[in-house]
């Protein structure tokens, strides 16, 4: 299980996405130098929630759960491939919803957006899951070619 490269890609992807539970995705600052932190739990100013981002939390939890299921489904490569594709689609939805919240919030509180390194973690995770998908597909093709009668 761990010796397969796709498992390493999926573990790194899960670890990267798990960091989003801890660190803020972006920060906003308005003209009064007030700082707003945007995390998957909500948008906060002075430790007070201004806007709830529960849909982002739900999507992130689904992605992390799917990645974990995919890691432990190493004996069923076709299921792993389907989970990886679905995981990428959910992550694209996460990024779209994240962008919606960013631009909607920046307009409503009239603030400047300050991206952090954690803003690009979902994109990095998509790349890692895609690389895992390719490795799983390569393994599946190798097994099928070995099963052919010559």
N, C-alpha and C. Protein backbone atom coordinates (compact mmCIF):
# COMPACT_ATOMS: atom_id res chain seq x y z
N UNK A 1 0.83 -1.19 0.00
CA UNK A 1 0.00 0.00 0.00
C UNK A 1 0.87 1.26 0.00
N UNK A 2 1.72 1.45 1.00
CA UNK A 2 2.49 2.67 1.12
C UNK A 2 3.61 2.76 0.07
N UNK A 3 4.02 1.61 -0.46
CA UNK A 3 5.11 1.62 -1.42
C UNK A 3 4.65 2.08 -2.81
N UNK A 4 3.37 2.23 -3.01
CA UNK A 4 2.86 2.67 -4.31
C UNK A 4 2.86 4.20 -4.35
N UNK A 5 3.29 4.75 -5.46
CA UNK A 5 3.43 6.20 -5.57
C UNK A 5 2.08 6.91 -5.46
N UNK A 6 1.01 6.26 -5.97
CA UNK A 6 -0.29 6.91 -5.89
C UNK A 6 -0.75 7.07 -4.44
N UNK A 7 -0.37 6.14 -3.59
CA UNK A 7 -0.71 6.26 -2.17
C UNK A 7 0.01 7.45 -1.56
N UNK A 8 1.25 7.65 -1.93
CA UNK A 8 1.98 8.81 -1.42
C UNK A 8 1.36 10.11 -1.91
N UNK A 9 0.96 10.16 -3.18
CA UNK A 9 0.28 11.35 -3.70
C UNK A 9 -1.00 11.63 -2.92
N UNK A 10 -1.77 10.59 -2.66
CA UNK A 10 -3.03 10.77 -1.94
C UNK A 10 -2.80 11.16 -0.48
N UNK A 11 -1.77 10.62 0.15
CA UNK A 11 -1.45 10.99 1.53
C UNK A 11 -1.03 12.45 1.61
N UNK A 12 -0.17 12.88 0.69
CA UNK A 12 0.26 14.29 0.68
C UNK A 12 -0.92 15.21 0.40
N UNK A 13 -1.78 14.82 -0.52
CA UNK A 13 -2.98 15.61 -0.82
C UNK A 13 -3.87 15.74 0.41
N UNK A 14 -4.08 14.63 1.12
CA UNK A 14 -4.90 14.66 2.33
C UNK A 14 -4.26 15.52 3.40
N UNK A 15 -2.95 15.43 3.55
CA UNK A 15 -2.26 16.24 4.55
C UNK A 15 -2.36 17.73 4.22
N UNK A 16 -2.19 18.06 2.95
CA UNK A 16 -2.29 19.46 2.52
C UNK A 16 -3.69 20.00 2.80
N UNK A 17 -4.70 19.22 2.45
CA UNK A 17 -6.07 19.67 2.66
C UNK A 17 -6.42 19.73 4.14
N UNK A 18 -5.82 18.87 4.94
CA UNK A 18 -6.08 18.90 6.38
C UNK A 18 -5.52 20.17 7.02
N UNK A 19 -4.50 20.75 6.42
CA UNK A 19 -3.97 22.02 6.92
C UNK A 19 -4.99 23.15 6.82
N UNK A 20 -5.94 23.01 5.90
CA UNK A 20 -6.95 24.06 5.72
C UNK A 20 -7.91 24.13 6.90
N UNK A 21 -7.97 23.08 7.72
CA UNK A 21 -8.78 23.13 8.94
C UNK A 21 -8.12 24.02 9.99
N UNK A 22 -6.82 24.20 9.91
CA UNK A 22 -6.06 24.91 10.94
C UNK A 22 -5.78 26.36 10.55
N UNK A 23 -5.32 26.56 9.33
CA UNK A 23 -4.84 27.87 8.92
C UNK A 23 -5.88 28.60 8.07
N UNK A 24 -5.87 29.94 8.11
CA UNK A 24 -6.81 30.70 7.27
C UNK A 24 -6.41 30.64 5.79
N UNK A 25 -7.43 30.62 4.95
CA UNK A 25 -7.20 30.57 3.51
C UNK A 25 -6.72 31.92 2.98
N UNK A 26 -7.39 32.97 3.37
CA UNK A 26 -7.01 34.32 2.96
C UNK A 26 -7.26 35.28 4.11
N UNK A 27 -6.84 36.50 3.91
CA UNK A 27 -7.12 37.57 4.86
C UNK A 27 -7.62 38.77 4.08
N UNK A 28 -8.47 39.53 4.73
CA UNK A 28 -8.97 40.77 4.16
C UNK A 28 -8.54 41.90 5.08
N UNK A 29 -8.33 43.07 4.52
CA UNK A 29 -8.10 44.27 5.33
C UNK A 29 -8.89 45.41 4.71
N UNK A 30 -9.55 46.15 5.57
CA UNK A 30 -10.33 47.28 5.07
C UNK A 30 -9.54 48.57 5.27
N UNK A 31 -10.18 49.70 4.98
CA UNK A 31 -9.50 50.99 5.06
C UNK A 31 -9.17 51.38 6.49
N UNK A 32 -9.86 50.80 7.47
CA UNK A 32 -9.62 51.10 8.88
C UNK A 32 -8.57 50.18 9.49
N UNK A 33 -7.84 49.46 8.68
CA UNK A 33 -6.80 48.51 9.09
C UNK A 33 -7.35 47.37 9.92
N UNK A 34 -8.61 47.05 9.74
CA UNK A 34 -9.19 45.89 10.42
C UNK A 34 -8.90 44.65 9.58
N UNK A 35 -8.46 43.59 10.24
CA UNK A 35 -8.10 42.35 9.57
C UNK A 35 -9.24 41.35 9.71
N UNK A 36 -9.60 40.73 8.59
CA UNK A 36 -10.62 39.68 8.56
C UNK A 36 -9.93 38.40 8.12
N UNK A 37 -10.10 37.33 8.88
CA UNK A 37 -9.53 36.03 8.54
C UNK A 37 -10.59 35.16 7.90
N UNK A 38 -10.25 34.57 6.77
CA UNK A 38 -11.16 33.68 6.04
C UNK A 38 -10.65 32.25 6.21
N UNK A 39 -11.42 31.44 6.91
CA UNK A 39 -11.09 30.03 7.05
C UNK A 39 -12.29 29.21 6.60
N UNK A 40 -12.16 27.90 6.62
CA UNK A 40 -13.28 27.06 6.21
C UNK A 40 -14.40 27.08 7.24
N UNK A 41 -14.13 27.60 8.42
CA UNK A 41 -15.14 27.68 9.47
C UNK A 41 -15.93 28.98 9.41
N UNK A 42 -15.41 29.98 8.72
CA UNK A 42 -16.12 31.24 8.60
C UNK A 42 -15.15 32.39 8.36
N UNK A 43 -15.73 33.57 8.25
CA UNK A 43 -14.93 34.78 8.11
C UNK A 43 -15.03 35.51 9.45
N UNK A 44 -13.87 35.76 10.04
CA UNK A 44 -13.81 36.28 11.40
C UNK A 44 -13.12 37.64 11.43
N UNK A 45 -13.62 38.51 12.30
CA UNK A 45 -12.98 39.78 12.62
C UNK A 45 -12.94 39.87 14.13
N UNK A 46 -11.75 39.98 14.68
CA UNK A 46 -11.57 40.03 16.14
C UNK A 46 -12.21 38.83 16.83
N UNK A 47 -11.98 37.65 16.29
CA UNK A 47 -12.51 36.38 16.81
C UNK A 47 -14.03 36.33 16.87
N UNK A 48 -14.67 37.13 16.08
CA UNK A 48 -16.14 37.12 15.99
C UNK A 48 -16.52 36.76 14.56
N UNK A 49 -17.39 35.77 14.42
CA UNK A 49 -17.77 35.31 13.09
C UNK A 49 -18.67 36.33 12.42
N UNK A 50 -18.27 36.73 11.22
CA UNK A 50 -19.07 37.68 10.44
C UNK A 50 -19.93 36.93 9.43
N UNK A 51 -19.30 36.01 8.71
CA UNK A 51 -19.98 35.23 7.68
C UNK A 51 -19.65 33.76 7.90
N UNK A 52 -20.66 32.92 7.86
CA UNK A 52 -20.46 31.48 8.00
C UNK A 52 -20.11 30.87 6.64
N UNK A 53 -19.13 30.00 6.65
CA UNK A 53 -18.73 29.31 5.41
C UNK A 53 -18.87 27.80 5.59
N UNK A 54 -19.97 27.39 6.15
CA UNK A 54 -20.23 25.97 6.41
C UNK A 54 -20.20 25.14 5.11
N UNK A 55 -20.73 25.63 3.97
CA UNK A 55 -20.62 24.82 2.74
C UNK A 55 -19.18 24.49 2.36
N UNK A 56 -18.25 25.42 2.59
CA UNK A 56 -16.84 25.13 2.33
C UNK A 56 -16.32 24.04 3.26
N UNK A 57 -16.73 24.11 4.51
CA UNK A 57 -16.32 23.10 5.48
C UNK A 57 -16.85 21.72 5.09
N UNK A 58 -18.08 21.67 4.62
CA UNK A 58 -18.68 20.40 4.20
C UNK A 58 -17.94 19.84 2.98
N UNK A 59 -17.68 20.69 1.99
CA UNK A 59 -16.95 20.23 0.79
C UNK A 59 -15.54 19.76 1.14
N UNK A 60 -14.85 20.50 2.01
CA UNK A 60 -13.51 20.09 2.40
C UNK A 60 -13.54 18.76 3.14
N UNK A 61 -14.52 18.58 4.00
CA UNK A 61 -14.64 17.31 4.73
C UNK A 61 -14.92 16.15 3.79
N UNK A 62 -15.74 16.39 2.76
CA UNK A 62 -16.02 15.35 1.76
C UNK A 62 -14.74 14.98 1.02
N UNK A 63 -13.96 15.98 0.63
CA UNK A 63 -12.73 15.73 -0.12
C UNK A 63 -11.73 14.94 0.73
N UNK A 64 -11.56 15.34 1.98
CA UNK A 64 -10.62 14.63 2.86
C UNK A 64 -11.09 13.20 3.09
N UNK A 65 -12.38 13.02 3.31
CA UNK A 65 -12.93 11.68 3.52
C UNK A 65 -12.76 10.81 2.27
N UNK A 66 -13.03 11.37 1.09
CA UNK A 66 -12.84 10.62 -0.15
C UNK A 66 -11.38 10.24 -0.37
N UNK A 67 -10.48 11.14 -0.01
CA UNK A 67 -9.05 10.82 -0.15
C UNK A 67 -8.65 9.68 0.77
N UNK A 68 -9.15 9.71 2.00
CA UNK A 68 -8.84 8.63 2.94
C UNK A 68 -9.42 7.30 2.47
N UNK A 69 -10.66 7.33 1.97
CA UNK A 69 -11.27 6.11 1.46
C UNK A 69 -10.46 5.59 0.27
N UNK A 70 -10.02 6.49 -0.59
CA UNK A 70 -9.25 6.10 -1.76
C UNK A 70 -7.90 5.49 -1.36
N UNK A 71 -7.29 6.01 -0.31
CA UNK A 71 -6.02 5.45 0.16
C UNK A 71 -6.20 4.01 0.61
N UNK A 72 -7.27 3.74 1.34
CA UNK A 72 -7.47 2.41 1.89
C UNK A 72 -8.19 1.46 0.93
N UNK A 73 -8.56 1.95 -0.25
CA UNK A 73 -9.18 1.08 -1.27
C UNK A 73 -8.14 0.65 -2.29
N UNK A 74 -6.91 0.42 -1.83
CA UNK A 74 -5.82 0.14 -2.76
C UNK A 74 -5.97 -1.18 -3.49
N UNK A 75 -6.79 -2.09 -2.99
CA UNK A 75 -6.99 -3.37 -3.68
C UNK A 75 -8.00 -3.26 -4.81
N UNK A 76 -8.79 -2.21 -4.81
CA UNK A 76 -9.82 -2.01 -5.83
C UNK A 76 -9.44 -0.77 -6.65
N UNK A 77 -8.64 -0.99 -7.68
CA UNK A 77 -8.12 0.13 -8.46
C UNK A 77 -9.20 0.89 -9.22
N UNK A 78 -10.21 0.20 -9.71
CA UNK A 78 -11.27 0.91 -10.45
C UNK A 78 -12.04 1.84 -9.50
N UNK A 79 -12.28 1.41 -8.27
CA UNK A 79 -12.92 2.28 -7.29
C UNK A 79 -12.03 3.46 -6.95
N UNK A 80 -10.74 3.21 -6.83
CA UNK A 80 -9.79 4.29 -6.56
C UNK A 80 -9.80 5.33 -7.67
N UNK A 81 -9.87 4.88 -8.92
CA UNK A 81 -9.90 5.83 -10.04
C UNK A 81 -11.19 6.65 -10.01
N UNK A 82 -12.33 6.00 -9.77
CA UNK A 82 -13.60 6.73 -9.71
C UNK A 82 -13.62 7.72 -8.55
N UNK A 83 -13.11 7.31 -7.41
CA UNK A 83 -13.05 8.22 -6.26
C UNK A 83 -12.14 9.42 -6.55
N UNK A 84 -11.05 9.18 -7.26
CA UNK A 84 -10.13 10.27 -7.59
C UNK A 84 -10.78 11.28 -8.52
N UNK A 85 -11.49 10.80 -9.52
CA UNK A 85 -12.18 11.71 -10.44
C UNK A 85 -13.25 12.50 -9.69
N UNK A 86 -14.04 11.82 -8.87
CA UNK A 86 -15.08 12.51 -8.10
C UNK A 86 -14.45 13.51 -7.13
N UNK A 87 -13.32 13.14 -6.55
CA UNK A 87 -12.62 14.02 -5.63
C UNK A 87 -12.16 15.30 -6.34
N UNK A 88 -11.65 15.16 -7.54
CA UNK A 88 -11.23 16.33 -8.31
C UNK A 88 -12.43 17.23 -8.61
N UNK A 89 -13.56 16.63 -8.97
CA UNK A 89 -14.76 17.42 -9.25
C UNK A 89 -15.24 18.17 -8.01
N UNK A 90 -15.21 17.51 -6.86
CA UNK A 90 -15.62 18.18 -5.62
C UNK A 90 -14.64 19.30 -5.27
N UNK A 91 -13.35 19.08 -5.51
CA UNK A 91 -12.36 20.13 -5.26
C UNK A 91 -12.55 21.32 -6.19
N UNK A 92 -12.94 21.07 -7.43
CA UNK A 92 -13.23 22.18 -8.34
C UNK A 92 -14.43 22.97 -7.82
N UNK A 93 -15.43 22.27 -7.30
CA UNK A 93 -16.56 22.94 -6.67
C UNK A 93 -16.13 23.74 -5.45
N UNK A 94 -15.20 23.18 -4.67
CA UNK A 94 -14.67 23.89 -3.50
C UNK A 94 -13.98 25.18 -3.93
N UNK A 95 -13.17 25.10 -4.97
CA UNK A 95 -12.45 26.29 -5.45
C UNK A 95 -13.44 27.34 -5.96
N UNK A 96 -14.47 26.89 -6.68
CA UNK A 96 -15.49 27.82 -7.17
C UNK A 96 -16.23 28.50 -6.04
N UNK A 97 -16.60 27.74 -5.02
CA UNK A 97 -17.30 28.32 -3.88
C UNK A 97 -16.37 29.23 -3.09
N UNK A 98 -15.11 28.85 -2.99
CA UNK A 98 -14.10 29.68 -2.32
C UNK A 98 -13.96 31.02 -3.03
N UNK A 99 -13.89 30.99 -4.35
CA UNK A 99 -13.79 32.23 -5.12
C UNK A 99 -15.04 33.08 -4.94
N UNK A 100 -16.20 32.44 -4.93
CA UNK A 100 -17.45 33.17 -4.71
C UNK A 100 -17.44 33.88 -3.36
N UNK A 101 -17.05 33.18 -2.32
CA UNK A 101 -16.99 33.79 -0.99
C UNK A 101 -15.98 34.93 -0.94
N UNK A 102 -14.83 34.74 -1.57
CA UNK A 102 -13.79 35.78 -1.55
C UNK A 102 -14.30 37.07 -2.19
N UNK A 103 -14.79 36.96 -3.42
CA UNK A 103 -15.17 38.17 -4.14
C UNK A 103 -16.45 38.78 -3.57
N UNK A 104 -17.37 37.96 -3.12
CA UNK A 104 -18.60 38.46 -2.52
C UNK A 104 -18.29 39.19 -1.21
N UNK A 105 -17.42 38.61 -0.40
CA UNK A 105 -17.06 39.22 0.88
C UNK A 105 -16.25 40.49 0.68
N UNK A 106 -15.30 40.45 -0.25
CA UNK A 106 -14.48 41.64 -0.50
C UNK A 106 -15.34 42.81 -0.95
N UNK A 107 -16.37 42.53 -1.75
CA UNK A 107 -17.27 43.60 -2.17
C UNK A 107 -18.16 44.08 -1.04
N UNK A 108 -18.67 43.16 -0.22
CA UNK A 108 -19.62 43.55 0.82
C UNK A 108 -18.97 44.31 1.97
N UNK A 109 -17.73 43.98 2.32
CA UNK A 109 -17.08 44.72 3.41
C UNK A 109 -16.08 45.74 2.89
N UNK A 110 -16.01 45.88 1.57
CA UNK A 110 -15.13 46.85 0.92
C UNK A 110 -13.69 46.70 1.44
N UNK A 111 -13.13 45.52 1.22
CA UNK A 111 -11.80 45.21 1.75
C UNK A 111 -10.87 44.72 0.64
N UNK A 112 -9.60 44.78 0.94
CA UNK A 112 -8.57 44.26 0.04
C UNK A 112 -8.29 42.80 0.39
N UNK A 113 -8.02 42.00 -0.62
CA UNK A 113 -7.76 40.58 -0.43
C UNK A 113 -6.25 40.35 -0.33
N UNK A 114 -5.85 39.59 0.69
CA UNK A 114 -4.45 39.19 0.86
C UNK A 114 -4.41 37.67 0.86
N UNK A 115 -3.94 37.10 -0.24
CA UNK A 115 -3.90 35.65 -0.36
C UNK A 115 -2.74 35.09 0.47
N UNK A 116 -2.94 33.91 1.00
CA UNK A 116 -1.88 33.21 1.71
C UNK A 116 -1.47 31.99 0.89
N UNK A 117 -0.44 31.31 1.35
CA UNK A 117 0.00 30.10 0.65
C UNK A 117 -1.09 29.03 0.68
N UNK A 118 -1.96 29.10 1.68
CA UNK A 118 -3.01 28.10 1.81
C UNK A 118 -4.13 28.30 0.79
N UNK A 119 -4.13 29.43 0.11
CA UNK A 119 -5.12 29.67 -0.94
C UNK A 119 -4.92 28.76 -2.14
N UNK A 120 -3.68 28.36 -2.38
CA UNK A 120 -3.38 27.51 -3.54
C UNK A 120 -3.34 26.02 -3.20
N UNK A 121 -3.54 25.69 -1.95
CA UNK A 121 -3.49 24.28 -1.54
C UNK A 121 -4.53 23.41 -2.26
N UNK A 122 -5.76 23.88 -2.48
CA UNK A 122 -6.70 23.04 -3.24
C UNK A 122 -6.23 22.75 -4.67
N UNK A 123 -5.57 23.71 -5.30
CA UNK A 123 -5.06 23.50 -6.66
C UNK A 123 -3.92 22.48 -6.64
N UNK A 124 -3.04 22.61 -5.66
CA UNK A 124 -1.95 21.64 -5.52
C UNK A 124 -2.52 20.25 -5.27
N UNK A 125 -3.57 20.19 -4.47
CA UNK A 125 -4.21 18.91 -4.18
C UNK A 125 -4.84 18.29 -5.43
N UNK A 126 -5.43 19.11 -6.28
CA UNK A 126 -5.99 18.61 -7.55
C UNK A 126 -4.87 17.99 -8.39
N UNK A 127 -3.74 18.66 -8.46
CA UNK A 127 -2.61 18.13 -9.23
C UNK A 127 -2.14 16.80 -8.66
N UNK A 128 -2.04 16.72 -7.34
CA UNK A 128 -1.59 15.47 -6.71
C UNK A 128 -2.59 14.34 -6.93
N UNK A 129 -3.88 14.64 -6.83
CA UNK A 129 -4.89 13.60 -7.05
C UNK A 129 -4.87 13.15 -8.51
N UNK A 130 -4.65 14.09 -9.44
CA UNK A 130 -4.54 13.71 -10.85
C UNK A 130 -3.33 12.81 -11.08
N UNK A 131 -2.21 13.13 -10.45
CA UNK A 131 -1.02 12.28 -10.58
C UNK A 131 -1.29 10.89 -9.99
N UNK A 132 -2.02 10.84 -8.88
CA UNK A 132 -2.39 9.55 -8.30
C UNK A 132 -3.29 8.78 -9.26
N UNK A 133 -4.24 9.48 -9.89
CA UNK A 133 -5.13 8.84 -10.86
C UNK A 133 -4.33 8.22 -12.00
N UNK A 134 -3.36 8.97 -12.52
CA UNK A 134 -2.53 8.44 -13.62
C UNK A 134 -1.74 7.21 -13.18
N UNK A 135 -1.22 7.23 -11.96
CA UNK A 135 -0.46 6.08 -11.46
C UNK A 135 -1.37 4.87 -11.25
N UNK A 136 -2.58 5.10 -10.75
CA UNK A 136 -3.54 4.01 -10.56
C UNK A 136 -3.91 3.41 -11.91
N UNK A 137 -4.15 4.28 -12.90
CA UNK A 137 -4.51 3.82 -14.23
C UNK A 137 -3.36 3.02 -14.85
N UNK A 138 -2.14 3.47 -14.65
CA UNK A 138 -0.98 2.75 -15.17
C UNK A 138 -0.87 1.36 -14.53
N UNK A 139 -1.11 1.29 -13.22
CA UNK A 139 -1.10 -0.02 -12.54
C UNK A 139 -2.20 -0.93 -13.09
N UNK A 140 -3.37 -0.37 -13.31
CA UNK A 140 -4.49 -1.17 -13.83
C UNK A 140 -4.17 -1.70 -15.23
N UNK A 141 -3.57 -0.86 -16.07
CA UNK A 141 -3.20 -1.31 -17.42
C UNK A 141 -2.11 -2.38 -17.36
N UNK A 142 -1.19 -2.25 -16.42
CA UNK A 142 -0.14 -3.25 -16.26
C UNK A 142 -0.72 -4.60 -15.83
N UNK A 143 -1.66 -4.58 -14.91
CA UNK A 143 -2.30 -5.82 -14.45
C UNK A 143 -3.10 -6.45 -15.58
N UNK A 144 -3.83 -5.63 -16.34
CA UNK A 144 -4.62 -6.18 -17.45
C UNK A 144 -3.73 -6.76 -18.54
N UNK A 145 -2.60 -6.13 -18.81
CA UNK A 145 -1.72 -6.67 -19.84
C UNK A 145 -1.07 -7.98 -19.39
N UNK A 146 -0.85 -8.12 -18.10
CA UNK A 146 -0.28 -9.37 -17.58
C UNK A 146 -1.31 -10.49 -17.57
N UNK A 147 -2.59 -10.14 -17.54
CA UNK A 147 -3.66 -11.14 -17.50
C UNK A 147 -4.00 -11.69 -18.89
N UNK A 148 -3.53 -11.05 -19.93
CA UNK A 148 -3.85 -11.51 -21.28
C UNK A 148 -3.21 -12.86 -21.57
N UNK A 149 -3.91 -13.65 -22.31
CA UNK A 149 -3.35 -14.93 -22.73
C UNK A 149 -2.50 -14.69 -23.97
N UNK A 150 -1.27 -15.18 -23.94
CA UNK A 150 -0.37 -14.93 -25.07
C UNK A 150 -0.21 -16.16 -25.89
